[in-house]
Amino acid sequence: MSTQDELRRLEEDLARLKASTADLRSQISDMGATDAVERSAMLSMADEQDGLIAELESRRDELRSRLDLS
């Protein structure tokens, strides 16, 4: 797979993950007063997704740098 293909796929994955995380956080906000354990689990999942987003963004930056040097 070329660097450009990998970058394109990574950008698509990032867009999906960001949308999913935003939706999850929206659901948490809309829940109001609810089961604290469920809310905590959802917040933890959103935080984990944020961490994955940061890792993917770092990888994206590396790929972009590689393309600039080519």
C-alpha atoms as a PDB file:
ATOM      1  CA  MET A   1       0.000   0.000   0.000  1.00  0.00           C
ATOM      2  CA  SER A   2       1.375   3.387  -0.921  1.00  0.00           C
ATOM      3  CA  THR A   3       1.836   6.140   1.639  1.00  0.00           C
ATOM      4  CA  GLN A   4      -0.901   8.143  -0.064  1.00  0.00           C
ATOM      5  CA  ASP A   5      -3.318   5.209   0.136  1.00  0.00           C
ATOM      6  CA  GLU A   6      -2.464   4.669   3.790  1.00  0.00           C
ATOM      7  CA  LEU A   7      -2.979   8.369   4.495  1.00  0.00           C
ATOM      8  CA  ARG A   8      -6.343   8.388   2.728  1.00  0.00           C
ATOM      9  CA  ARG A   9      -7.504   5.328   4.663  1.00  0.00           C
ATOM     10  CA  LEU A  10      -6.263   6.821   7.905  1.00  0.00           C
ATOM     11  CA  GLU A  11      -8.150  10.067   7.229  1.00  0.00           C
ATOM     12  CA  GLU A  12     -11.345   8.065   6.621  1.00  0.00           C
ATOM     13  CA  ASP A  13     -10.839   6.092   9.838  1.00  0.00           C
ATOM     14  CA  LEU A  14     -10.216   9.300  11.771  1.00  0.00           C
ATOM     15  CA  ALA A  15     -13.389  10.909  10.428  1.00  0.00           C
ATOM     16  CA  ARG A  16     -15.481   7.866  11.418  1.00  0.00           C
ATOM     17  CA  LEU A  17     -13.899   7.625  14.860  1.00  0.00           C
ATOM     18  CA  LYS A  18     -14.334  11.338  15.558  1.00  0.00           C
ATOM     19  CA  ALA A  19     -18.003  11.152  14.533  1.00  0.00           C
ATOM     20  CA  SER A  20     -18.510   8.077  16.710  1.00  0.00           C
ATOM     21  CA  THR A  21     -16.875   9.751  19.705  1.00  0.00           C
ATOM     22  CA  ALA A  22     -18.895  12.932  19.243  1.00  0.00           C
ATOM     23  CA  ASP A  23     -22.082  10.854  19.055  1.00  0.00           C
ATOM     24  CA  LEU A  24     -21.124   8.954  22.197  1.00  0.00           C
ATOM     25  CA  ARG A  25     -20.451  12.169  24.123  1.00  0.00           C
ATOM     26  CA  SER A  26     -23.750  13.584  22.861  1.00  0.00           C
ATOM     27  CA  GLN A  27     -25.557  10.508  24.134  1.00  0.00           C
ATOM     28  CA  ILE A  28     -23.888  10.934  27.515  1.00  0.00           C
ATOM     29  CA  SER A  29     -25.003  14.572  27.660  1.00  0.00           C
ATOM     30  CA  ASP A  30     -28.563  13.663  26.688  1.00  0.00           C
ATOM     31  CA  MET A  31     -28.786  10.954  29.345  1.00  0.00           C
ATOM     32  CA  GLY A  32     -29.250  13.357  32.216  1.00  0.00           C
ATOM     33  CA  ALA A  33     -29.598  11.659  35.583  1.00  0.00           C
ATOM     34  CA  THR A  34     -28.991   7.977  34.930  1.00  0.00           C
ATOM     35  CA  ASP A  35     -27.107   4.989  36.216  1.00  0.00           C
ATOM     36  CA  ALA A  36     -23.697   6.257  37.344  1.00  0.00           C
ATOM     37  CA  VAL A  37     -21.966   2.999  36.392  1.00  0.00           C
ATOM     38  CA  GLU A  38     -23.297   3.114  32.824  1.00  0.00           C
ATOM     39  CA  ARG A  39     -22.417   6.786  32.478  1.00  0.00           C
ATOM     40  CA  SER A  40     -18.909   6.123  33.793  1.00  0.00           C
ATOM     41  CA  ALA A  41     -18.426   3.244  31.356  1.00  0.00           C
ATOM     42  CA  MET A  42     -19.533   5.408  28.437  1.00  0.00           C
ATOM     43  CA  LEU A  43     -17.211   8.224  29.505  1.00  0.00           C
ATOM     44  CA  SER A  44     -14.344   5.763  29.765  1.00  0.00           C
ATOM     45  CA  MET A  45     -15.093   4.478  26.275  1.00  0.00           C
ATOM     46  CA  ALA A  46     -15.157   8.039  24.896  1.00  0.00           C
ATOM     47  CA  ASP A  47     -11.844   8.796  26.609  1.00  0.00           C
ATOM     48  CA  GLU A  48     -10.286   5.657  25.118  1.00  0.00           C
ATOM     49  CA  GLN A  49     -11.509   6.712  21.686  1.00  0.00           C
ATOM     50  CA  ASP A  50      -9.968  10.156  22.219  1.00  0.00           C
ATOM     51  CA  GLY A  51      -6.661   8.433  22.961  1.00  0.00           C
ATOM     52  CA  LEU A  52      -6.933   6.383  19.788  1.00  0.00           C
ATOM     53  CA  ILE A  53      -7.743   9.543  17.820  1.00  0.00           C
ATOM     54  CA  ALA A  54      -4.585  11.169  19.168  1.00  0.00           C
ATOM     55  CA  GLU A  55      -2.515   8.145  18.105  1.00  0.00           C
ATOM     56  CA  LEU A  56      -4.043   8.139  14.632  1.00  0.00           C
ATOM     57  CA  GLU A  57      -3.497  11.878  14.257  1.00  0.00           C
ATOM     58  CA  SER A  58       0.150  11.372  15.157  1.00  0.00           C
ATOM     59  CA  ARG A  59       0.428   8.632  12.540  1.00  0.00           C
ATOM     60  CA  ARG A  60      -1.297  10.911  10.011  1.00  0.00           C
ATOM     61  CA  ASP A  61       1.229  13.654  10.726  1.00  0.00           C
ATOM     62  CA  GLU A  62       4.083  11.183  10.177  1.00  0.00           C
ATOM     63  CA  LEU A  63       2.613  10.114   6.844  1.00  0.00           C
ATOM     64  CA  ARG A  64       2.126  13.705   5.753  1.00  0.00           C
ATOM     65  CA  SER A  65       5.741  14.480   6.645  1.00  0.00           C
ATOM     66  CA  ARG A  66       6.914  11.494   4.654  1.00  0.00           C
ATOM     67  CA  LEU A  67       4.953  12.668   1.621  1.00  0.00           C
ATOM     68  CA  ASP A  68       6.413  16.183   1.934  1.00  0.00           C
ATOM     69  CA  LEU A  69       9.930  14.734   1.896  1.00  0.00           C
ATOM     70  CA  SER A  70       9.288  12.568  -1.153  1.00  0.00           C
END
